Amino acid sequence: MATTNDLKNGMVLNIEGQLWSVVEFQHVKPGKGPAFVRTKLKAVLSGKVVDKTFNAGTKVETANVDKRDMQYLYKDGDDFVFMDTDTYDQIHVPADTVGTAADFMLENQNAVVALHDGTPLYVELPASVVLEITYTEPGLQGDRSTGGTKPATLETGAQIAVPLFLETGTKVKVDTRTGDYLGRVN
């Protein structure tokens, strides 16, 4: 248990049996009446964001979330298999828990897996990853000066928009949160 005075960004709370991650919090002391804490909470499993207000000093239940560095090994049916880099234990993470991170994960890549009582909650990738373009239409001659983009398929199967001058086989840096092209890698 903790009080609302102990809240920090990223802290996970257990409210009515659901896990919520603190995105933002603000202590408010109005001129009249008691102080309160305004928070923005994100549901860990569904990703839904809600605003919730607590009276200052209210006790809230914190959830024990264990974030571990793990290595993605392979896909087994609908599950993704990760290995703990310290204990070499393997866990199966369902595809809906992995979510959009699957678009940017290669085998043997490291990721952070958050666990609560042994249940995987979410997978966190590094802010950017380097992937190779496996297919994209060739750019037209003289089409390089405009700031246009074209679709490209990455080695993970994901599709992103890249500048016209890029060709198949080029390694690119991709933002894992938005799926945006960040630049070429030599």
N, C-alpha and C. Protein backbone atom coordinates (compact mmCIF):
# COMPACT_ATOMS: atom_id res chain seq x y z
N MET A 1 0.84 -1.19 0.00
CA MET A 1 0.00 0.00 0.00
C MET A 1 0.88 1.25 0.00
N ALA A 2 0.41 2.28 -0.67
CA ALA A 2 1.10 3.56 -0.70
C ALA A 2 0.03 4.65 -0.63
N THR A 3 0.45 5.86 -0.33
CA THR A 3 -0.51 6.96 -0.35
C THR A 3 -0.37 7.70 -1.68
N THR A 4 -1.33 8.58 -1.96
CA THR A 4 -1.28 9.33 -3.21
C THR A 4 -0.08 10.27 -3.24
N ASN A 5 0.52 10.56 -2.07
CA ASN A 5 1.71 11.41 -2.02
C ASN A 5 2.94 10.69 -2.57
N ASP A 6 2.89 9.35 -2.64
CA ASP A 6 4.03 8.55 -3.11
C ASP A 6 3.98 8.26 -4.61
N LEU A 7 2.96 8.74 -5.31
CA LEU A 7 2.80 8.40 -6.73
C LEU A 7 3.99 8.89 -7.57
N LYS A 8 4.36 8.06 -8.54
CA LYS A 8 5.42 8.41 -9.49
C LYS A 8 4.96 7.96 -10.87
N ASN A 9 5.48 8.59 -11.92
CA ASN A 9 5.17 8.16 -13.29
C ASN A 9 5.70 6.75 -13.50
N GLY A 10 4.90 5.90 -14.14
CA GLY A 10 5.32 4.53 -14.40
C GLY A 10 4.94 3.56 -13.31
N MET A 11 4.51 4.06 -12.14
CA MET A 11 4.10 3.20 -11.03
C MET A 11 2.82 2.46 -11.44
N VAL A 12 2.68 1.20 -11.03
CA VAL A 12 1.49 0.42 -11.38
C VAL A 12 0.61 0.26 -10.14
N LEU A 13 -0.66 0.65 -10.27
CA LEU A 13 -1.62 0.56 -9.17
C LEU A 13 -2.62 -0.53 -9.43
N ASN A 14 -3.13 -1.13 -8.35
CA ASN A 14 -4.18 -2.14 -8.45
C ASN A 14 -5.46 -1.49 -7.95
N ILE A 15 -6.34 -1.09 -8.87
CA ILE A 15 -7.59 -0.43 -8.51
C ILE A 15 -8.74 -1.33 -8.92
N GLU A 16 -9.51 -1.79 -7.93
CA GLU A 16 -10.65 -2.67 -8.16
C GLU A 16 -10.27 -3.89 -9.00
N GLY A 17 -9.14 -4.48 -8.72
CA GLY A 17 -8.72 -5.70 -9.39
C GLY A 17 -8.10 -5.51 -10.76
N GLN A 18 -8.00 -4.26 -11.24
CA GLN A 18 -7.37 -4.00 -12.53
C GLN A 18 -6.05 -3.27 -12.32
N LEU A 19 -5.10 -3.51 -13.21
CA LEU A 19 -3.80 -2.86 -13.11
C LEU A 19 -3.79 -1.60 -13.97
N TRP A 20 -3.36 -0.49 -13.36
CA TRP A 20 -3.29 0.80 -14.04
C TRP A 20 -1.90 1.38 -13.84
N SER A 21 -1.32 1.89 -14.91
CA SER A 21 0.00 2.52 -14.87
C SER A 21 -0.20 4.03 -14.81
N VAL A 22 0.56 4.71 -13.92
CA VAL A 22 0.44 6.17 -13.78
C VAL A 22 1.18 6.84 -14.93
N VAL A 23 0.45 7.56 -15.78
CA VAL A 23 1.05 8.28 -16.90
C VAL A 23 1.47 9.67 -16.44
N GLU A 24 0.57 10.33 -15.70
CA GLU A 24 0.78 11.71 -15.23
C GLU A 24 0.11 11.86 -13.89
N PHE A 25 0.65 12.71 -13.03
CA PHE A 25 -0.04 13.03 -11.78
C PHE A 25 0.28 14.47 -11.40
N GLN A 26 -0.65 15.08 -10.68
CA GLN A 26 -0.47 16.48 -10.29
C GLN A 26 -1.15 16.69 -8.94
N HIS A 27 -0.38 17.23 -7.97
CA HIS A 27 -0.95 17.57 -6.67
C HIS A 27 -1.58 18.95 -6.80
N VAL A 28 -2.84 19.08 -6.39
CA VAL A 28 -3.55 20.35 -6.50
C VAL A 28 -3.99 20.80 -5.12
N LYS A 29 -3.63 22.04 -4.75
CA LYS A 29 -4.06 22.62 -3.48
C LYS A 29 -4.91 23.84 -3.77
N PRO A 30 -6.24 23.66 -3.85
CA PRO A 30 -7.08 24.82 -4.13
C PRO A 30 -7.10 25.76 -2.92
N GLY A 31 -7.46 27.00 -3.14
CA GLY A 31 -7.51 27.97 -2.05
C GLY A 31 -8.53 27.58 -1.01
N LYS A 32 -9.57 26.91 -1.42
CA LYS A 32 -10.65 26.53 -0.53
C LYS A 32 -10.84 25.02 -0.63
N GLY A 33 -10.99 24.34 0.46
CA GLY A 33 -11.22 22.90 0.43
C GLY A 33 -9.93 22.11 0.54
N PRO A 34 -10.06 20.78 0.63
CA PRO A 34 -8.88 19.92 0.83
C PRO A 34 -8.07 19.75 -0.47
N ALA A 35 -6.81 19.40 -0.30
CA ALA A 35 -5.93 19.13 -1.45
C ALA A 35 -6.33 17.81 -2.10
N PHE A 36 -6.03 17.66 -3.38
CA PHE A 36 -6.30 16.40 -4.07
C PHE A 36 -5.23 16.13 -5.11
N VAL A 37 -5.25 14.91 -5.64
CA VAL A 37 -4.26 14.49 -6.64
C VAL A 37 -5.02 14.11 -7.91
N ARG A 38 -4.69 14.79 -9.01
CA ARG A 38 -5.30 14.52 -10.31
C ARG A 38 -4.33 13.61 -11.07
N THR A 39 -4.83 12.46 -11.55
CA THR A 39 -3.94 11.53 -12.25
C THR A 39 -4.50 11.15 -13.61
N LYS A 40 -3.60 10.73 -14.48
CA LYS A 40 -3.98 10.14 -15.76
C LYS A 40 -3.45 8.72 -15.68
N LEU A 41 -4.35 7.73 -15.76
CA LEU A 41 -3.98 6.33 -15.62
C LEU A 41 -4.22 5.58 -16.93
N LYS A 42 -3.31 4.64 -17.22
CA LYS A 42 -3.44 3.83 -18.43
C LYS A 42 -3.62 2.38 -18.01
N ALA A 43 -4.68 1.74 -18.51
CA ALA A 43 -4.91 0.33 -18.21
C ALA A 43 -3.78 -0.49 -18.82
N VAL A 44 -3.11 -1.29 -17.99
CA VAL A 44 -1.94 -2.03 -18.44
C VAL A 44 -2.31 -3.04 -19.53
N LEU A 45 -3.44 -3.72 -19.38
CA LEU A 45 -3.79 -4.77 -20.34
C LEU A 45 -4.45 -4.23 -21.60
N SER A 46 -5.39 -3.28 -21.47
CA SER A 46 -6.13 -2.81 -22.65
C SER A 46 -5.53 -1.56 -23.28
N GLY A 47 -4.77 -0.77 -22.51
CA GLY A 47 -4.18 0.45 -23.04
C GLY A 47 -5.11 1.65 -22.96
N LYS A 48 -6.31 1.48 -22.37
CA LYS A 48 -7.28 2.58 -22.23
C LYS A 48 -6.74 3.61 -21.22
N VAL A 49 -6.89 4.89 -21.53
CA VAL A 49 -6.40 5.96 -20.65
C VAL A 49 -7.60 6.66 -20.02
N VAL A 50 -7.56 6.82 -18.69
CA VAL A 50 -8.64 7.51 -17.97
C VAL A 50 -8.04 8.54 -17.01
N ASP A 51 -8.86 9.56 -16.68
CA ASP A 51 -8.47 10.53 -15.67
C ASP A 51 -9.15 10.13 -14.37
N LYS A 52 -8.39 10.18 -13.27
CA LYS A 52 -8.96 9.83 -11.97
C LYS A 52 -8.42 10.80 -10.94
N THR A 53 -9.30 11.21 -10.03
CA THR A 53 -8.91 12.15 -8.98
C THR A 53 -8.99 11.46 -7.62
N PHE A 54 -7.94 11.60 -6.83
CA PHE A 54 -7.90 11.04 -5.48
C PHE A 54 -7.80 12.19 -4.48
N ASN A 55 -8.36 12.02 -3.28
CA ASN A 55 -8.11 12.97 -2.20
C ASN A 55 -6.67 12.80 -1.75
N ALA A 56 -6.00 13.89 -1.37
CA ALA A 56 -4.60 13.81 -0.95
C ALA A 56 -4.49 12.90 0.27
N GLY A 57 -3.47 12.05 0.29
CA GLY A 57 -3.24 11.17 1.42
C GLY A 57 -4.04 9.88 1.38
N THR A 58 -4.88 9.68 0.35
CA THR A 58 -5.66 8.44 0.22
C THR A 58 -4.70 7.28 -0.01
N LYS A 59 -5.02 6.13 0.59
CA LYS A 59 -4.19 4.95 0.37
C LYS A 59 -4.58 4.27 -0.94
N VAL A 60 -3.58 3.92 -1.74
CA VAL A 60 -3.81 3.20 -3.00
C VAL A 60 -2.96 1.94 -2.97
N GLU A 61 -3.49 0.87 -3.58
CA GLU A 61 -2.76 -0.39 -3.58
C GLU A 61 -1.82 -0.44 -4.78
N THR A 62 -0.56 -0.67 -4.51
CA THR A 62 0.40 -0.76 -5.61
C THR A 62 0.52 -2.22 -6.03
N ALA A 63 0.79 -2.45 -7.30
CA ALA A 63 0.97 -3.80 -7.82
C ALA A 63 2.45 -4.07 -8.00
N ASN A 64 2.86 -5.26 -7.69
CA ASN A 64 4.25 -5.64 -7.84
C ASN A 64 4.49 -6.07 -9.28
N VAL A 65 5.14 -5.20 -10.06
CA VAL A 65 5.41 -5.50 -11.46
C VAL A 65 6.91 -5.70 -11.62
N ASP A 66 7.25 -6.84 -12.14
CA ASP A 66 8.65 -7.23 -12.30
C ASP A 66 9.04 -7.02 -13.76
N LYS A 67 9.94 -6.06 -14.02
CA LYS A 67 10.40 -5.83 -15.40
C LYS A 67 11.72 -6.56 -15.58
N ARG A 68 11.76 -7.46 -16.56
CA ARG A 68 12.97 -8.26 -16.78
C ARG A 68 13.48 -8.10 -18.20
N ASP A 69 14.81 -8.10 -18.33
CA ASP A 69 15.42 -8.11 -19.66
C ASP A 69 15.31 -9.53 -20.20
N MET A 70 14.70 -9.64 -21.37
CA MET A 70 14.53 -10.96 -21.97
C MET A 70 14.93 -10.90 -23.43
N GLN A 71 15.20 -12.08 -23.98
CA GLN A 71 15.57 -12.20 -25.39
C GLN A 71 14.45 -12.93 -26.11
N TYR A 72 14.00 -12.33 -27.24
CA TYR A 72 12.96 -12.97 -28.05
C TYR A 72 13.60 -14.11 -28.83
N LEU A 73 13.09 -15.33 -28.65
CA LEU A 73 13.67 -16.49 -29.32
C LEU A 73 12.97 -16.83 -30.63
N TYR A 74 11.67 -17.15 -30.56
CA TYR A 74 10.95 -17.56 -31.76
C TYR A 74 9.45 -17.47 -31.51
N LYS A 75 8.69 -17.62 -32.60
CA LYS A 75 7.23 -17.61 -32.51
C LYS A 75 6.73 -19.05 -32.51
N ASP A 76 5.86 -19.38 -31.55
CA ASP A 76 5.33 -20.74 -31.42
C ASP A 76 3.82 -20.66 -31.52
N GLY A 77 3.28 -20.90 -32.72
CA GLY A 77 1.83 -20.75 -32.93
C GLY A 77 1.45 -19.28 -32.79
N ASP A 78 0.56 -18.98 -31.85
CA ASP A 78 0.18 -17.58 -31.60
C ASP A 78 1.03 -16.95 -30.51
N ASP A 79 1.88 -17.73 -29.86
CA ASP A 79 2.69 -17.21 -28.75
C ASP A 79 4.09 -16.83 -29.22
N PHE A 80 4.67 -15.88 -28.49
CA PHE A 80 6.06 -15.50 -28.70
C PHE A 80 6.85 -16.05 -27.52
N VAL A 81 7.97 -16.70 -27.78
CA VAL A 81 8.76 -17.30 -26.71
C VAL A 81 9.93 -16.37 -26.38
N PHE A 82 10.01 -15.99 -25.10
CA PHE A 82 11.09 -15.14 -24.60
C PHE A 82 11.91 -15.91 -23.59
N MET A 83 13.21 -15.60 -23.50
CA MET A 83 14.08 -16.23 -22.53
C MET A 83 14.64 -15.17 -21.59
N ASP A 84 14.55 -15.44 -20.29
CA ASP A 84 15.13 -14.55 -19.29
C ASP A 84 16.66 -14.62 -19.44
N THR A 85 17.32 -13.48 -19.61
CA THR A 85 18.77 -13.49 -19.86
C THR A 85 19.58 -13.83 -18.62
N ASP A 86 18.96 -13.79 -17.42
CA ASP A 86 19.68 -14.15 -16.19
C ASP A 86 19.51 -15.62 -15.83
N THR A 87 18.26 -16.11 -15.86
CA THR A 87 17.98 -17.47 -15.40
C THR A 87 17.83 -18.48 -16.53
N TYR A 88 17.75 -18.00 -17.77
CA TYR A 88 17.54 -18.84 -18.96
C TYR A 88 16.17 -19.54 -18.95
N ASP A 89 15.24 -19.08 -18.10
CA ASP A 89 13.87 -19.60 -18.13
C ASP A 89 13.18 -19.06 -19.37
N GLN A 90 12.34 -19.91 -19.98
CA GLN A 90 11.59 -19.47 -21.16
C GLN A 90 10.13 -19.28 -20.79
N ILE A 91 9.52 -18.18 -21.30
CA ILE A 91 8.10 -17.96 -21.08
C ILE A 91 7.41 -17.73 -22.43
N HIS A 92 6.15 -18.11 -22.49
CA HIS A 92 5.33 -17.90 -23.68
C HIS A 92 4.48 -16.66 -23.44
N VAL A 93 4.55 -15.68 -24.35
CA VAL A 93 3.77 -14.46 -24.25
C VAL A 93 2.75 -14.46 -25.40
N PRO A 94 1.43 -14.35 -25.09
CA PRO A 94 0.42 -14.35 -26.16
C PRO A 94 0.60 -13.16 -27.11
N ALA A 95 0.16 -13.35 -28.36
CA ALA A 95 0.33 -12.32 -29.39
C ALA A 95 -0.37 -11.02 -29.02
N ASP A 96 -1.57 -11.08 -28.37
CA ASP A 96 -2.25 -9.83 -28.04
C ASP A 96 -1.54 -9.08 -26.92
N THR A 97 -0.74 -9.76 -26.09
CA THR A 97 0.06 -9.07 -25.06
C THR A 97 1.25 -8.36 -25.71
N VAL A 98 1.86 -9.02 -26.71
CA VAL A 98 3.00 -8.42 -27.42
C VAL A 98 2.52 -7.19 -28.22
N GLY A 99 1.35 -7.31 -28.84
CA GLY A 99 0.75 -6.18 -29.56
C GLY A 99 1.58 -5.73 -30.75
N THR A 100 1.70 -4.40 -30.92
CA THR A 100 2.39 -3.85 -32.09
C THR A 100 3.90 -4.04 -32.02
N ALA A 101 4.43 -4.42 -30.86
CA ALA A 101 5.87 -4.67 -30.75
C ALA A 101 6.30 -5.79 -31.70
N ALA A 102 5.37 -6.69 -32.04
CA ALA A 102 5.69 -7.81 -32.93
C ALA A 102 6.14 -7.33 -34.31
N ASP A 103 5.69 -6.14 -34.72
CA ASP A 103 6.07 -5.61 -36.03
C ASP A 103 7.54 -5.27 -36.13
N PHE A 104 8.21 -5.10 -34.98
CA PHE A 104 9.60 -4.63 -35.00
C PHE A 104 10.54 -5.57 -34.24
N MET A 105 10.10 -6.81 -33.98
CA MET A 105 10.94 -7.77 -33.25
C MET A 105 11.56 -8.79 -34.17
N LEU A 106 12.86 -8.95 -34.05
CA LEU A 106 13.58 -10.01 -34.77
C LEU A 106 13.99 -11.06 -33.75
N GLU A 107 14.21 -12.28 -34.22
CA GLU A 107 14.68 -13.32 -33.31
C GLU A 107 16.02 -12.91 -32.71
N ASN A 108 16.24 -13.29 -31.45
CA ASN A 108 17.45 -12.99 -30.66
C ASN A 108 17.57 -11.52 -30.28
N GLN A 109 16.50 -10.75 -30.43
CA GLN A 109 16.53 -9.34 -30.04
C GLN A 109 16.13 -9.23 -28.57
N ASN A 110 16.73 -8.27 -27.85
CA ASN A 110 16.40 -8.07 -26.44
C ASN A 110 15.22 -7.13 -26.29
N ALA A 111 14.41 -7.38 -25.26
CA ALA A 111 13.25 -6.56 -24.95
C ALA A 111 13.02 -6.64 -23.45
N VAL A 112 12.21 -5.73 -22.91
CA VAL A 112 11.84 -5.77 -21.50
C VAL A 112 10.43 -6.33 -21.42
N VAL A 113 10.26 -7.39 -20.64
CA VAL A 113 8.94 -7.99 -20.44
C VAL A 113 8.51 -7.70 -19.01
N ALA A 114 7.33 -7.09 -18.85
CA ALA A 114 6.81 -6.78 -17.52
C ALA A 114 5.90 -7.93 -17.08
N LEU A 115 6.16 -8.44 -15.88
CA LEU A 115 5.40 -9.57 -15.35
C LEU A 115 4.71 -9.17 -14.05
N HIS A 116 3.50 -9.69 -13.83
CA HIS A 116 2.79 -9.50 -12.57
C HIS A 116 2.30 -10.87 -12.13
N ASP A 117 2.83 -11.38 -11.02
CA ASP A 117 2.51 -12.73 -10.53
C ASP A 117 2.73 -13.77 -11.62
N GLY A 118 3.80 -13.62 -12.39
CA GLY A 118 4.13 -14.59 -13.44
C GLY A 118 3.36 -14.42 -14.73
N THR A 119 2.41 -13.48 -14.78
CA THR A 119 1.63 -13.24 -16.00
C THR A 119 2.25 -12.09 -16.77
N PRO A 120 2.60 -12.29 -18.05
CA PRO A 120 3.17 -11.19 -18.84
C PRO A 120 2.12 -10.11 -19.08
N LEU A 121 2.50 -8.85 -18.83
CA LEU A 121 1.57 -7.72 -19.00
C LEU A 121 1.80 -7.01 -20.33
N TYR A 122 3.06 -6.71 -20.63
CA TYR A 122 3.38 -6.03 -21.88
C TYR A 122 4.85 -6.22 -22.21
N VAL A 123 5.20 -5.95 -23.47
CA VAL A 123 6.58 -6.06 -23.95
C VAL A 123 7.03 -4.67 -24.37
N GLU A 124 8.19 -4.27 -23.88
CA GLU A 124 8.72 -2.94 -24.17
C GLU A 124 10.00 -3.10 -25.00
N LEU A 125 9.99 -2.54 -26.20
CA LEU A 125 11.18 -2.60 -27.06
C LEU A 125 12.03 -1.36 -26.84
N PRO A 126 13.30 -1.38 -27.30
CA PRO A 126 14.08 -0.14 -27.29
C PRO A 126 13.37 0.93 -28.12
N ALA A 127 13.69 2.20 -27.93
CA ALA A 127 13.01 3.30 -28.63
C ALA A 127 13.11 3.16 -30.14
N SER A 128 14.25 2.62 -30.63
CA SER A 128 14.38 2.43 -32.07
C SER A 128 15.13 1.13 -32.36
N VAL A 129 14.84 0.55 -33.52
CA VAL A 129 15.51 -0.68 -33.94
C VAL A 129 15.99 -0.51 -35.38
N VAL A 130 16.99 -1.31 -35.77
CA VAL A 130 17.50 -1.28 -37.13
C VAL A 130 16.98 -2.53 -37.85
N LEU A 131 16.28 -2.31 -38.96
CA LEU A 131 15.72 -3.41 -39.74
C LEU A 131 16.05 -3.21 -41.22
N GLU A 132 16.04 -4.31 -41.97
CA GLU A 132 16.34 -4.24 -43.40
C GLU A 132 15.05 -4.22 -44.21
N ILE A 133 15.07 -3.42 -45.28
CA ILE A 133 13.92 -3.37 -46.19
C ILE A 133 14.01 -4.59 -47.11
N THR A 134 12.97 -5.44 -47.09
CA THR A 134 12.99 -6.64 -47.95
C THR A 134 12.33 -6.38 -49.29
N TYR A 135 11.41 -5.40 -49.36
CA TYR A 135 10.82 -5.07 -50.66
C TYR A 135 10.30 -3.64 -50.66
N THR A 136 10.62 -2.92 -51.72
CA THR A 136 10.01 -1.62 -51.97
C THR A 136 10.10 -1.36 -53.46
N GLU A 137 9.14 -0.61 -53.99
CA GLU A 137 9.16 -0.27 -55.42
C GLU A 137 10.39 0.59 -55.70
N PRO A 138 10.99 0.44 -56.88
CA PRO A 138 12.13 1.31 -57.20
C PRO A 138 11.67 2.75 -57.35
N GLY A 139 12.51 3.68 -56.93
CA GLY A 139 12.19 5.11 -57.10
C GLY A 139 12.39 5.50 -58.55
N LEU A 140 11.60 6.43 -59.02
CA LEU A 140 11.73 6.88 -60.41
C LEU A 140 12.85 7.91 -60.54
N GLN A 141 13.53 7.90 -61.68
CA GLN A 141 14.61 8.86 -61.92
C GLN A 141 14.03 10.27 -61.89
N GLY A 142 14.71 11.18 -61.20
CA GLY A 142 14.24 12.56 -61.12
C GLY A 142 13.19 12.76 -60.05
N ASP A 143 12.85 11.69 -59.32
CA ASP A 143 11.81 11.77 -58.30
C ASP A 143 12.42 11.96 -56.91
N ARG A 144 13.72 12.26 -56.86
CA ARG A 144 14.40 12.24 -55.57
C ARG A 144 14.35 13.57 -54.82
N SER A 145 14.06 14.64 -55.50
CA SER A 145 14.11 15.94 -54.84
C SER A 145 12.86 16.23 -54.02
N THR A 146 11.75 15.59 -54.39
CA THR A 146 10.51 15.85 -53.65
C THR A 146 10.54 15.10 -52.32
N GLY A 147 9.78 15.57 -51.37
CA GLY A 147 9.76 14.94 -50.05
C GLY A 147 8.75 13.81 -49.96
N GLY A 148 8.49 13.13 -51.06
CA GLY A 148 7.49 12.07 -51.06
C GLY A 148 7.96 10.80 -50.37
N THR A 149 7.00 9.94 -50.06
CA THR A 149 7.35 8.65 -49.46
C THR A 149 6.67 7.53 -50.24
N LYS A 150 7.15 6.30 -49.99
CA LYS A 150 6.57 5.12 -50.63
C LYS A 150 6.53 4.01 -49.58
N PRO A 151 5.64 3.03 -49.74
CA PRO A 151 5.59 1.94 -48.76
C PRO A 151 6.78 1.00 -48.93
N ALA A 152 7.27 0.47 -47.80
CA ALA A 152 8.36 -0.50 -47.83
C ALA A 152 8.03 -1.60 -46.83
N THR A 153 8.36 -2.84 -47.20
CA THR A 153 8.15 -3.98 -46.31
C THR A 153 9.47 -4.30 -45.61
N LEU A 154 9.44 -4.41 -44.28
CA LEU A 154 10.63 -4.70 -43.50
C LEU A 154 10.81 -6.21 -43.34
N GLU A 155 11.98 -6.63 -42.84
CA GLU A 155 12.25 -8.06 -42.69
C GLU A 155 11.33 -8.73 -41.67
N THR A 156 10.65 -7.95 -40.82
CA THR A 156 9.69 -8.53 -39.88
C THR A 156 8.31 -8.68 -40.50
N GLY A 157 8.11 -8.13 -41.70
CA GLY A 157 6.82 -8.20 -42.37
C GLY A 157 6.00 -6.92 -42.20
N ALA A 158 6.47 -6.01 -41.35
CA ALA A 158 5.74 -4.76 -41.13
C ALA A 158 5.93 -3.83 -42.33
N GLN A 159 4.94 -2.96 -42.56
CA GLN A 159 5.05 -1.97 -43.64
C GLN A 159 5.17 -0.58 -43.04
N ILE A 160 6.14 0.20 -43.55
CA ILE A 160 6.30 1.58 -43.12
C ILE A 160 6.47 2.46 -44.35
N ALA A 161 6.36 3.77 -44.15
CA ALA A 161 6.58 4.73 -45.25
C ALA A 161 8.03 5.20 -45.19
N VAL A 162 8.72 5.12 -46.33
CA VAL A 162 10.13 5.55 -46.41
C VAL A 162 10.29 6.54 -47.55
N PRO A 163 11.37 7.34 -47.54
CA PRO A 163 11.62 8.26 -48.65
C PRO A 163 11.82 7.51 -49.97
N LEU A 164 11.57 8.20 -51.08
CA LEU A 164 11.60 7.58 -52.41
C LEU A 164 12.96 7.02 -52.82
N PHE A 165 14.06 7.57 -52.29
CA PHE A 165 15.38 7.14 -52.76
C PHE A 165 15.84 5.81 -52.16
N LEU A 166 15.15 5.29 -51.14
CA LEU A 166 15.59 4.03 -50.53
C LEU A 166 15.26 2.84 -51.42
N GLU A 167 16.15 1.82 -51.37
CA GLU A 167 15.98 0.64 -52.20
C GLU A 167 15.91 -0.61 -51.35
N THR A 168 15.49 -1.71 -51.94
CA THR A 168 15.45 -3.01 -51.27
C THR A 168 16.86 -3.37 -50.79
N GLY A 169 16.95 -3.89 -49.56
CA GLY A 169 18.26 -4.27 -49.01
C GLY A 169 18.87 -3.20 -48.13
N THR A 170 18.30 -2.00 -48.08
CA THR A 170 18.83 -0.92 -47.24
C THR A 170 18.42 -1.16 -45.79
N LYS A 171 19.35 -0.90 -44.87
CA LYS A 171 19.02 -1.00 -43.44
C LYS A 171 18.54 0.37 -42.97
N VAL A 172 17.40 0.38 -42.25
CA VAL A 172 16.82 1.64 -41.78
C VAL A 172 16.57 1.57 -40.28
N LYS A 173 16.57 2.75 -39.65
CA LYS A 173 16.26 2.86 -38.23
C LYS A 173 14.78 3.22 -38.12
N VAL A 174 14.04 2.49 -37.27
CA VAL A 174 12.59 2.67 -37.15
C VAL A 174 12.23 2.94 -35.69
N ASP A 175 11.36 3.92 -35.46
CA ASP A 175 10.84 4.23 -34.12
C ASP A 175 9.83 3.14 -33.76
N THR A 176 10.06 2.42 -32.65
CA THR A 176 9.18 1.30 -32.30
C THR A 176 7.85 1.76 -31.71
N ARG A 177 7.77 3.00 -31.24
CA ARG A 177 6.51 3.48 -30.65
C ARG A 177 5.53 3.92 -31.72
N THR A 178 6.03 4.56 -32.79
CA THR A 178 5.14 5.12 -33.82
C THR A 178 5.24 4.40 -35.15
N GLY A 179 6.32 3.65 -35.39
CA GLY A 179 6.52 3.00 -36.68
C GLY A 179 7.05 3.95 -37.74
N ASP A 180 7.61 5.09 -37.31
CA ASP A 180 8.13 6.08 -38.25
C ASP A 180 9.55 5.74 -38.68
N TYR A 181 9.88 6.10 -39.92
CA TYR A 181 11.24 5.97 -40.46
C TYR A 181 12.10 7.06 -39.81
N LEU A 182 13.26 6.68 -39.25
CA LEU A 182 14.13 7.67 -38.60
C LEU A 182 15.41 7.96 -39.38
N GLY A 183 15.80 7.06 -40.27
CA GLY A 183 17.02 7.32 -41.04
C GLY A 183 17.62 6.03 -41.57
N ARG A 184 18.64 6.22 -42.41
CA ARG A 184 19.34 5.10 -43.01
C ARG A 184 20.50 4.69 -42.10
N VAL A 185 20.85 3.42 -42.10
CA VAL A 185 22.00 2.93 -41.34
C VAL A 185 22.95 2.26 -42.30
N ASN A 186 24.24 2.64 -42.24
CA ASN A 186 25.22 2.04 -43.17
C ASN A 186 25.84 0.80 -42.54
